[in-house]
C-alpha atoms as a PDB file:
ATOM      1  CA  MET A   1     272.428 -59.228 102.252  1.00  0.00           C
ATOM      2  CA  ASN A   2     272.301 -55.935 100.355  1.00  0.00           C
ATOM      3  CA  ALA A   3     275.140 -53.458  99.800  1.00  0.00           C
ATOM      4  CA  ARG A   4     274.094 -51.245 102.712  1.00  0.00           C
ATOM      5  CA  GLN A   5     274.158 -54.135 105.205  1.00  0.00           C
ATOM      6  CA  GLY A   6     277.554 -55.204 103.854  1.00  0.00           C
ATOM      7  CA  VAL A   7     279.007 -51.729 104.350  1.00  0.00           C
ATOM      8  CA  LEU A   8     277.631 -51.541 107.890  1.00  0.00           C
ATOM      9  CA  LEU A   9     279.058 -54.960 108.711  1.00  0.00           C
ATOM     10  CA  LEU A  10     282.454 -53.930 107.319  1.00  0.00           C
ATOM     11  CA  ILE A  11     282.475 -50.673 109.310  1.00  0.00           C
ATOM     12  CA  GLY A  12     281.428 -52.495 112.495  1.00  0.00           C
ATOM     13  CA  THR A  13     284.182 -55.082 112.014  1.00  0.00           C
ATOM     14  CA  ILE A  14     286.822 -52.409 111.476  1.00  0.00           C
ATOM     15  CA  LEU A  15     285.690 -50.430 114.539  1.00  0.00           C
ATOM     16  CA  THR A  16     285.707 -53.556 116.702  1.00  0.00           C
ATOM     17  CA  PHE A  17     289.205 -54.440 115.528  1.00  0.00           C
ATOM     18  CA  LEU A  18     290.507 -50.922 116.237  1.00  0.00           C
ATOM     19  CA  LEU A  19     288.957 -50.766 119.695  1.00  0.00           C
ATOM     20  CA  LEU A  20     290.337 -54.156 120.679  1.00  0.00           C
ATOM     21  CA  ASN A  21     293.760 -53.266 119.326  1.00  0.00           C
ATOM     22  CA  GLN A  22     293.796 -49.931 121.219  1.00  0.00           C
ATOM     23  CA  GLY A  23     292.685 -51.594 124.441  1.00  0.00           C
ATOM     24  CA  ARG A  24     295.499 -54.141 124.246  1.00  0.00           C
ATOM     25  CA  LEU A  25     298.061 -51.383 123.864  1.00  0.00           C
ATOM     26  CA  LEU A  26     297.030 -49.834 127.160  1.00  0.00           C
ATOM     27  CA  PHE A  27     297.656 -53.059 129.048  1.00  0.00           C
ATOM     28  CA  SER A  28     300.945 -53.962 127.373  1.00  0.00           C
ATOM     29  CA  VAL A  29     302.777 -50.805 128.441  1.00  0.00           C
ATOM     30  CA  GLN A  30     301.753 -50.699 132.098  1.00  0.00           C
ATOM     31  CA  GLU A  31     304.446 -51.245 134.708  1.00  0.00           C
ATOM     32  CA  LEU A  32     304.194 -53.712 137.532  1.00  0.00           C
ATOM     33  CA  PRO A  33     302.607 -52.064 140.570  1.00  0.00           C
ATOM     34  CA  ALA A  34     304.983 -51.286 143.390  1.00  0.00           C
ATOM     35  CA  PRO A  35     303.821 -53.189 146.444  1.00  0.00           C
ATOM     36  CA  ALA A  36     303.137 -51.250 149.621  1.00  0.00           C
ATOM     37  CA  PRO A  37     305.946 -52.036 152.049  1.00  0.00           C
ATOM     38  CA  ALA A  38     305.115 -53.891 155.244  1.00  0.00           C
ATOM     39  CA  PRO A  39     305.034 -51.668 158.330  1.00  0.00           C
ATOM     40  CA  SER A  40     308.498 -51.511 159.838  1.00  0.00           C
ATOM     41  CA  SER A  41     307.357 -53.022 163.132  1.00  0.00           C
ATOM     42  CA  GLN A  42     306.142 -56.160 161.326  1.00  0.00           C
ATOM     43  CA  ILE A  43     308.084 -58.800 159.474  1.00  0.00           C
ATOM     44  CA  ILE A  44     306.927 -61.407 156.977  1.00  0.00           C
ATOM     45  CA  VAL A  45     308.528 -64.849 156.921  1.00  0.00           C
ATOM     46  CA  GLU A  46     307.810 -68.095 155.108  1.00  0.00           C
ATOM     47  CA  ILE A  47     307.774 -71.175 157.341  1.00  0.00           C
ATOM     48  CA  ALA A  48     308.368 -74.140 155.067  1.00  0.00           C
ATOM     49  CA  ALA A  49     308.488 -77.072 157.504  1.00  0.00           C
ATOM     50  CA  GLY A  50     307.822 -77.970 161.142  1.00  0.00           C
ATOM     51  CA  VAL A  51     304.465 -76.262 161.503  1.00  0.00           C
ATOM     52  CA  PRO A  52     300.929 -77.623 161.044  1.00  0.00           C
ATOM     53  CA  ARG A  53     300.315 -75.202 158.193  1.00  0.00           C
ATOM     54  CA  PRO A  54     303.445 -74.209 156.246  1.00  0.00           C
ATOM     55  CA  GLY A  55     303.097 -70.873 154.523  1.00  0.00           C
ATOM     56  CA  ILE A  56     303.602 -67.107 154.886  1.00  0.00           C
ATOM     57  CA  TYR A  57     303.351 -65.611 158.362  1.00  0.00           C
ATOM     58  CA  GLN A  58     303.406 -62.027 159.598  1.00  0.00           C
ATOM     59  CA  PHE A  59     304.766 -61.150 163.045  1.00  0.00           C
ATOM     60  CA  SER A  60     304.680 -57.915 164.974  1.00  0.00           C
ATOM     61  CA  ASP A  61     307.254 -59.288 167.418  1.00  0.00           C
ATOM     62  CA  GLY A  62     309.051 -61.364 164.834  1.00  0.00           C
ATOM     63  CA  LEU A  63     312.516 -60.308 165.922  1.00  0.00           C
ATOM     64  CA  LEU A  64     312.104 -62.707 168.784  1.00  0.00           C
ATOM     65  CA  TRP A  65     312.720 -66.371 167.975  1.00  0.00           C
ATOM     66  CA  PRO A  66     310.302 -67.695 170.613  1.00  0.00           C
ATOM     67  CA  ALA A  67     307.401 -65.969 168.851  1.00  0.00           C
ATOM     68  CA  VAL A  68     308.230 -67.664 165.580  1.00  0.00           C
ATOM     69  CA  ILE A  69     309.178 -71.034 167.048  1.00  0.00           C
ATOM     70  CA  SER A  70     306.027 -71.148 169.153  1.00  0.00           C
ATOM     71  CA  LEU A  71     304.098 -71.920 165.952  1.00  0.00           C
ATOM     72  CA  THR A  72     305.855 -75.246 165.478  1.00  0.00           C
ATOM     73  CA  ASP A  73     304.355 -78.556 166.522  1.00  0.00           C
ATOM     74  CA  LEU A  74     307.671 -80.374 167.009  1.00  0.00           C
ATOM     75  CA  ASP A  75     308.443 -82.357 170.174  1.00  0.00           C
ATOM     76  CA  CYS A  76     311.982 -81.013 170.331  1.00  0.00           C
ATOM     77  CA  VAL A  77     310.655 -77.437 170.512  1.00  0.00           C
ATOM     78  CA  ARG A  78     308.932 -78.154 173.811  1.00  0.00           C
ATOM     79  CA  SER A  79     312.213 -79.187 175.388  1.00  0.00           C
ATOM     80  CA  ALA A  80     314.357 -76.578 173.624  1.00  0.00           C
ATOM     81  CA  GLN A  81     316.125 -74.054 175.799  1.00  0.00           C
ATOM     82  CA  GLN A  82     316.151 -70.377 174.905  1.00  0.00           C
ATOM     83  CA  SER A  83     319.937 -70.694 174.434  1.00  0.00           C
ATOM     84  CA  SER A  84     319.395 -73.236 171.643  1.00  0.00           C
ATOM     85  CA  PHE A  85     317.624 -70.707 169.421  1.00  0.00           C
ATOM     86  CA  PRO A  86     319.728 -69.114 166.676  1.00  0.00           C
ATOM     87  CA  ASP A  87     321.733 -66.044 167.610  1.00  0.00           C
ATOM     88  CA  ALA A  88     320.618 -63.858 164.730  1.00  0.00           C
ATOM     89  CA  SER A  89     317.224 -62.272 164.760  1.00  0.00           C
ATOM     90  CA  VAL A  90     314.521 -63.289 162.333  1.00  0.00           C
ATOM     91  CA  ALA A  91     314.703 -61.064 159.221  1.00  0.00           C
ATOM     92  CA  ASN A  92     311.970 -59.782 156.951  1.00  0.00           C
ATOM     93  CA  GLY A  93     311.661 -62.088 153.932  1.00  0.00           C
ATOM     94  CA  GLN A  94     313.368 -65.093 155.500  1.00  0.00           C
ATOM     95  CA  ARG A  95     312.378 -68.658 154.738  1.00  0.00           C
ATOM     96  CA  LEU A  96     312.570 -70.977 157.763  1.00  0.00           C
ATOM     97  CA  ALA A  97     312.356 -74.729 158.075  1.00  0.00           C
ATOM     98  CA  PHE A  98     312.201 -76.355 161.534  1.00  0.00           C
ATOM     99  CA  SER A  99     313.039 -79.977 162.265  1.00  0.00           C
ATOM    100  CA  CYS A 100     314.259 -82.229 165.035  1.00  0.00           C
ATOM    101  CA  ASN A 101     317.561 -84.020 164.566  1.00  0.00           C
ATOM    102  CA  SER A 102     318.419 -87.556 165.720  1.00  0.00           C
ATOM    103  CA  LEU A 103     319.271 -86.243 169.216  1.00  0.00           C
ATOM    104  CA  ASN A 104     315.818 -84.587 169.364  1.00  0.00           C
ATOM    105  CA  LYS A 105     317.395 -81.129 169.204  1.00  0.00           C
ATOM    106  CA  LEU A 106     315.797 -78.284 167.272  1.00  0.00           C
ATOM    107  CA  GLU A 107     317.353 -77.497 163.900  1.00  0.00           C
ATOM    108  CA  VAL A 108     316.509 -74.359 161.984  1.00  0.00           C
ATOM    109  CA  GLU A 109     317.371 -74.023 158.293  1.00  0.00           C
ATOM    110  CA  THR A 110     317.264 -70.438 157.065  1.00  0.00           C
ATOM    111  CA  SER A 111     317.228 -69.088 153.537  1.00  0.00           C
ATOM    112  CA  TRP A 112     315.408 -66.326 151.676  1.00  0.00           C
ATOM    113  CA  MET A 113     311.956 -66.320 150.147  1.00  0.00           C
ATOM    114  CA  SER A 114     311.993 -66.060 146.365  1.00  0.00           C
ATOM    115  CA  ALA A 115     312.152 -62.506 144.979  1.00  0.00           C
ATOM    116  CA  ALA A 116     308.790 -63.016 143.317  1.00  0.00           C
ATOM    117  CA  HIS A 117     307.239 -63.753 146.723  1.00  0.00           C
ATOM    118  CA  ARG A 118     309.025 -60.852 148.418  1.00  0.00           C
ATOM    119  CA  MET A 119     307.944 -58.435 145.666  1.00  0.00           C
ATOM    120  CA  ALA A 120     304.312 -59.613 145.878  1.00  0.00           C
ATOM    121  CA  LEU A 121     304.319 -59.221 149.688  1.00  0.00           C
ATOM    122  CA  GLY A 122     305.994 -55.818 149.702  1.00  0.00           C
ATOM    123  CA  VAL A 123     309.184 -57.084 151.296  1.00  0.00           C
ATOM    124  CA  SER A 124     312.188 -55.110 150.052  1.00  0.00           C
ATOM    125  CA  LEU A 125     314.787 -56.940 148.017  1.00  0.00           C
ATOM    126  CA  HIS A 126     318.543 -56.716 148.526  1.00  0.00           C
ATOM    127  CA  PRO A 127     320.917 -57.231 145.581  1.00  0.00           C
ATOM    128  CA  ASP A 128     323.211 -59.510 147.630  1.00  0.00           C
ATOM    129  CA  ARG A 129     320.393 -61.860 148.671  1.00  0.00           C
ATOM    130  CA  MET A 130     319.223 -62.706 145.163  1.00  0.00           C
ATOM    131  CA  SER A 131     319.748 -65.857 143.127  1.00  0.00           C
ATOM    132  CA  LEU A 132     319.789 -66.313 139.366  1.00  0.00           C
ATOM    133  CA  ASP A 133     316.020 -67.063 139.412  1.00  0.00           C
ATOM    134  CA  ASP A 134     315.382 -64.088 141.683  1.00  0.00           C
ATOM    135  CA  TRP A 135     316.928 -61.663 139.182  1.00  0.00           C
ATOM    136  CA  GLN A 136     314.644 -62.970 136.457  1.00  0.00           C
ATOM    137  CA  ALA A 137     311.585 -62.021 138.556  1.00  0.00           C
ATOM    138  CA  LEU A 138     312.416 -58.357 137.976  1.00  0.00           C
ATOM    139  CA  PRO A 139     310.885 -56.698 134.919  1.00  0.00           C
ATOM    140  CA  GLY A 140     313.275 -56.593 131.977  1.00  0.00           C
ATOM    141  CA  ILE A 141     315.711 -59.254 133.187  1.00  0.00           C
ATOM    142  CA  GLY A 142     316.020 -62.405 131.169  1.00  0.00           C
ATOM    143  CA  PRO A 143     318.303 -65.427 131.593  1.00  0.00           C
ATOM    144  CA  ARG A 144     321.350 -63.825 129.955  1.00  0.00           C
ATOM    145  CA  LEU A 145     321.273 -60.601 131.963  1.00  0.00           C
ATOM    146  CA  ALA A 146     320.664 -62.555 135.174  1.00  0.00           C
ATOM    147  CA  GLU A 147     323.717 -64.681 134.333  1.00  0.00           C
ATOM    148  CA  ARG A 148     325.850 -61.561 133.728  1.00  0.00           C
ATOM    149  CA  ILE A 149     324.710 -60.129 137.089  1.00  0.00           C
ATOM    150  CA  GLU A 150     325.680 -63.356 138.902  1.00  0.00           C
ATOM    151  CA  GLN A 151     329.069 -63.542 137.075  1.00  0.00           C
ATOM    152  CA  ASP A 152     329.805 -59.937 137.991  1.00  0.00           C
ATOM    153  CA  ARG A 153     329.036 -60.606 141.643  1.00  0.00           C
ATOM    154  CA  GLN A 154     331.364 -63.651 141.581  1.00  0.00           C
ATOM    155  CA  LEU A 155     334.199 -61.651 139.970  1.00  0.00           C
ATOM    156  CA  ASN A 156     333.813 -58.296 141.721  1.00  0.00           C
ATOM    157  CA  GLY A 157     332.106 -59.066 145.015  1.00  0.00           C
ATOM    158  CA  ASP A 158     328.779 -58.021 146.499  1.00  0.00           C
ATOM    159  CA  PHE A 159     326.815 -55.079 145.158  1.00  0.00           C
ATOM    160  CA  GLU A 160     325.718 -53.832 148.624  1.00  0.00           C
ATOM    161  CA  ARG A 161     323.133 -51.497 147.039  1.00  0.00           C
ATOM    162  CA  ILE A 162     321.168 -51.336 143.823  1.00  0.00           C
ATOM    163  CA  ASP A 163     323.134 -48.430 142.316  1.00  0.00           C
ATOM    164  CA  ARG A 164     326.213 -50.629 141.987  1.00  0.00           C
ATOM    165  CA  LEU A 165     324.408 -52.803 139.436  1.00  0.00           C
ATOM    166  CA  ARG A 166     325.550 -50.216 136.862  1.00  0.00           C
ATOM    167  CA  ARG A 167     328.855 -52.024 136.661  1.00  0.00           C
ATOM    168  CA  VAL A 168     327.054 -54.866 134.847  1.00  0.00           C
ATOM    169  CA  LYS A 169     326.949 -54.533 131.072  1.00  0.00           C
ATOM    170  CA  GLY A 170     323.361 -53.880 129.940  1.00  0.00           C
ATOM    171  CA  ILE A 171     322.219 -52.124 133.104  1.00  0.00           C
ATOM    172  CA  GLY A 172     321.944 -48.355 133.208  1.00  0.00           C
ATOM    173  CA  ALA A 173     320.250 -45.633 135.160  1.00  0.00           C
ATOM    174  CA  GLY A 174     316.871 -46.251 133.470  1.00  0.00           C
ATOM    175  CA  ARG A 175     316.658 -49.864 134.545  1.00  0.00           C
ATOM    176  CA  ILE A 176     317.828 -49.122 138.044  1.00  0.00           C
ATOM    177  CA  SER A 177     315.222 -46.397 138.475  1.00  0.00           C
ATOM    178  CA  GLN A 178     312.565 -48.892 137.273  1.00  0.00           C
ATOM    179  CA  TRP A 179     313.701 -51.468 139.860  1.00  0.00           C
ATOM    180  CA  ARG A 180     314.390 -49.096 142.769  1.00  0.00           C
ATOM    181  CA  LYS A 181     310.837 -49.441 144.153  1.00  0.00           C
ATOM    182  CA  PHE A 182     311.494 -53.127 144.890  1.00  0.00           C
ATOM    183  CA  PHE A 183     314.786 -52.649 146.786  1.00  0.00           C
ATOM    184  CA  LEU A 184     315.854 -51.423 150.206  1.00  0.00           C
ATOM    185  CA  LYS A 185     315.992 -47.690 150.450  1.00  0.00           C
END
């Protein structure tokens, strides 16, 4: 290799390094995309047990328990009376598990889908329905800040809305504005 080829190789290597380094910077500073919210007439629920195919379901008439329960393949559902369905309506982002008890009566266990799932599906979060793991799904929250949030909620009660997270040390207006797109309006 002569001197000219060596210089061209060196220049090519430096340019390649600079271009790769610049390209990586673009990706490292991008924010998470805000998911498009589900239409208000539709709700998204996770059915974890009691159906042939557990998973995420979307309902346009999801506020009615019969529409959700009709998906199950349990014997006790066929004999269940409308009055045996839970009193509360099905909520967007709920996690449901159906089973039959020893008396062959329908049992419904309700909880919330993980925050990561709700964020990915465009289901709004609520600060009082989040666990320690849920807080860590938000950008910029690690284990210590999530622990402080949970401790504050235990000591001072529910937050009710995202703006009240300011009472937690380490959370200011900047972080709240970054997270607002994931929470109820």
